[in-house]
Amino acid sequence: MEPNELRLNIKQTKAFIDANPILLRLVPRIRVNSGSGSTLQDQPARPEQTFRLIDQTRTSGPEPGTVQTGDGQQRKVEFQLLGNPDAVIGVYDYWIDGQTRYEVGNLIFRNPYEVRAQVVRYGEK
C-alpha cells in the first residue's frame, strides 16, 4: 500500500470510530489446563482504548439474535469491534456493560490501518 493511501485509510478509520466511539477496558483471558480439561482465566484489564461497536444483526429476521434459554430469553448478538491499527485486542477478551457481557469470538483481520474483531453479546439487552 502506498504511503498516501495508508495515511488516508488511517484517517478514515479514525473518523469512522470517532463518529460513534466506545471506550473500553478489555479483560483478556488465557486458557489454563486443569486435571479435568481447561478453563479461561481473567488477566489484568488492558488500558482503556477507543473502538466503534458495529451491529451486524439488523440484516435479517423479525427478531434477529435472540436465543431462548430454560429460564427465559437471553440475547446473543454479533457485532464487529473496530479499532485503530494500534489497538490491542485478543480472542476471549471481554467487557461487561450492566448485566450484558460482550466477548471477542474471533479476530477478523488486522491490517496497517485498522483492526476488526467479531463480538458476541450475551445478556438481557
Protein backbone atom coordinates (compact mmCIF):
# COMPACT_ATOMS: atom_id res chain seq x y z
CA MET A 1 0.00 0.00 0.00
CA GLU A 2 1.35 3.40 -0.94
CA PRO A 3 2.12 5.83 1.93
CA ASN A 4 -0.54 8.35 0.84
CA GLU A 5 -3.19 5.64 0.60
CA LEU A 6 -2.22 4.26 4.02
CA ARG A 7 -2.35 7.72 5.58
CA LEU A 8 -5.85 8.31 4.14
CA ASN A 9 -7.10 4.90 5.31
CA ILE A 10 -5.84 5.55 8.85
CA LYS A 11 -7.54 8.96 8.84
CA GLN A 12 -10.84 7.48 7.56
CA THR A 13 -10.80 4.67 10.14
CA LYS A 14 -10.21 7.17 12.94
CA ALA A 15 -13.02 9.44 11.66
CA PHE A 16 -15.44 6.49 11.48
CA ILE A 17 -14.58 5.41 15.03
CA ASP A 18 -14.77 8.99 16.35
CA ALA A 19 -18.29 9.42 14.91
CA ASN A 20 -19.65 6.88 17.46
CA PRO A 21 -16.86 5.86 19.85
CA ILE A 22 -16.98 3.46 22.77
CA LEU A 23 -14.26 3.49 25.45
CA LEU A 24 -13.40 0.01 26.69
CA ARG A 25 -11.11 -1.65 29.18
CA LEU A 26 -10.97 -5.13 27.69
CA VAL A 27 -10.31 -8.01 30.06
CA PRO A 28 -8.05 -10.60 28.42
CA ARG A 29 -8.31 -14.27 29.32
CA ILE A 30 -5.88 -17.14 28.87
CA ARG A 31 -6.60 -20.84 28.62
CA VAL A 32 -5.26 -22.80 31.59
CA ASN A 33 -5.15 -26.60 31.63
CA SER A 34 -6.55 -28.37 34.67
CA GLY A 35 -6.98 -32.02 35.58
CA SER A 36 -10.43 -32.15 34.01
CA GLY A 37 -9.82 -30.04 30.89
CA SER A 38 -9.15 -26.34 30.57
CA THR A 39 -10.64 -23.08 31.77
CA LEU A 40 -10.29 -19.45 30.79
CA GLN A 41 -8.79 -17.25 33.50
CA ASP A 42 -9.09 -13.47 33.63
CA GLN A 43 -5.93 -11.41 33.37
CA PRO A 44 -5.48 -7.75 34.37
CA ALA A 45 -7.60 -5.41 32.23
CA ARG A 46 -5.94 -3.74 29.28
CA PRO A 47 -5.61 0.07 29.32
CA GLU A 48 -8.69 1.94 28.10
CA GLN A 49 -8.97 2.08 24.32
CA THR A 50 -11.38 3.69 21.86
CA PHE A 51 -13.34 1.47 19.48
CA ARG A 52 -16.54 1.51 17.46
CA LEU A 53 -19.08 -1.25 18.02
CA ILE A 54 -20.87 -2.10 14.77
CA ASP A 55 -24.16 -4.02 14.99
CA GLN A 56 -24.24 -6.91 12.49
CA THR A 57 -27.69 -8.32 13.35
CA ARG A 58 -30.12 -5.89 11.76
CA THR A 59 -29.96 -7.52 8.36
CA SER A 60 -32.48 -10.34 8.64
CA GLY A 61 -35.29 -11.91 10.61
CA PRO A 62 -38.12 -10.44 12.69
CA GLU A 63 -36.11 -10.60 15.89
CA PRO A 64 -32.52 -11.44 14.96
CA GLY A 65 -30.03 -12.58 17.55
CA THR A 66 -32.46 -13.96 20.15
CA VAL A 67 -31.66 -17.26 21.82
CA GLN A 68 -34.26 -18.99 24.02
CA THR A 69 -32.95 -20.48 27.27
CA GLY A 70 -34.53 -22.60 30.00
CA ASP A 71 -35.04 -19.63 32.30
CA GLY A 72 -36.30 -17.15 29.72
CA GLN A 73 -34.73 -15.19 26.91
CA GLN A 74 -31.08 -14.46 26.51
CA ARG A 75 -29.74 -12.29 23.72
CA LYS A 76 -26.77 -13.49 21.71
CA VAL A 77 -25.98 -10.90 19.11
CA GLU A 78 -22.98 -10.42 16.87
CA PHE A 79 -21.10 -7.20 16.36
CA GLN A 80 -17.84 -6.08 14.87
CA LEU A 81 -15.44 -4.17 17.08
CA LEU A 82 -13.38 -1.74 15.01
CA GLY A 83 -10.16 -0.30 16.39
CA ASN A 84 -7.32 1.85 15.21
CA PRO A 85 -4.25 -0.04 13.96
CA ASP A 86 -2.51 0.15 17.35
CA ALA A 87 -5.46 -1.37 19.26
CA VAL A 88 -4.64 -4.34 21.48
CA ILE A 89 -7.34 -7.00 21.40
CA GLY A 90 -7.42 -10.78 21.60
CA VAL A 91 -9.78 -13.71 21.26
CA TYR A 92 -11.72 -14.25 24.54
CA ASP A 93 -11.25 -10.61 25.63
CA TYR A 94 -14.47 -9.31 27.17
CA TRP A 95 -16.16 -6.37 28.84
CA ILE A 96 -19.35 -6.01 30.85
CA ASP A 97 -21.92 -3.25 30.47
CA GLY A 98 -24.56 -3.50 33.21
CA GLN A 99 -25.82 -7.09 33.04
CA THR A 100 -24.64 -7.60 29.49
CA ARG A 101 -21.40 -9.32 28.62
CA TYR A 102 -19.57 -8.76 25.33
CA GLU A 103 -16.92 -11.28 24.27
CA VAL A 104 -14.45 -11.30 21.39
CA GLY A 105 -15.04 -14.53 19.49
CA ASN A 106 -12.67 -14.04 16.60
CA LEU A 107 -10.15 -11.61 15.20
CA ILE A 108 -11.44 -10.86 11.72
CA PHE A 109 -8.32 -9.11 10.50
CA ARG A 110 -5.57 -6.71 11.37
CA ASN A 111 -4.03 -4.52 8.72
CA PRO A 112 -1.91 -1.35 8.70
CA TYR A 113 -4.94 0.95 9.13
CA GLU A 114 -7.43 -0.95 11.37
CA VAL A 115 -8.15 -4.00 13.49
CA ARG A 116 -11.53 -5.78 13.48
CA ALA A 117 -12.94 -8.44 15.74
CA GLN A 118 -16.20 -10.37 15.93
CA VAL A 119 -18.01 -9.76 19.21
CA VAL A 120 -20.90 -11.72 20.71
CA ARG A 121 -23.26 -10.11 23.24
CA TYR A 122 -24.80 -12.22 26.00
CA GLY A 123 -27.37 -10.94 28.44
CA GLU A 124 -30.63 -9.12 28.81
CA LYS A 125 -30.48 -6.31 26.25
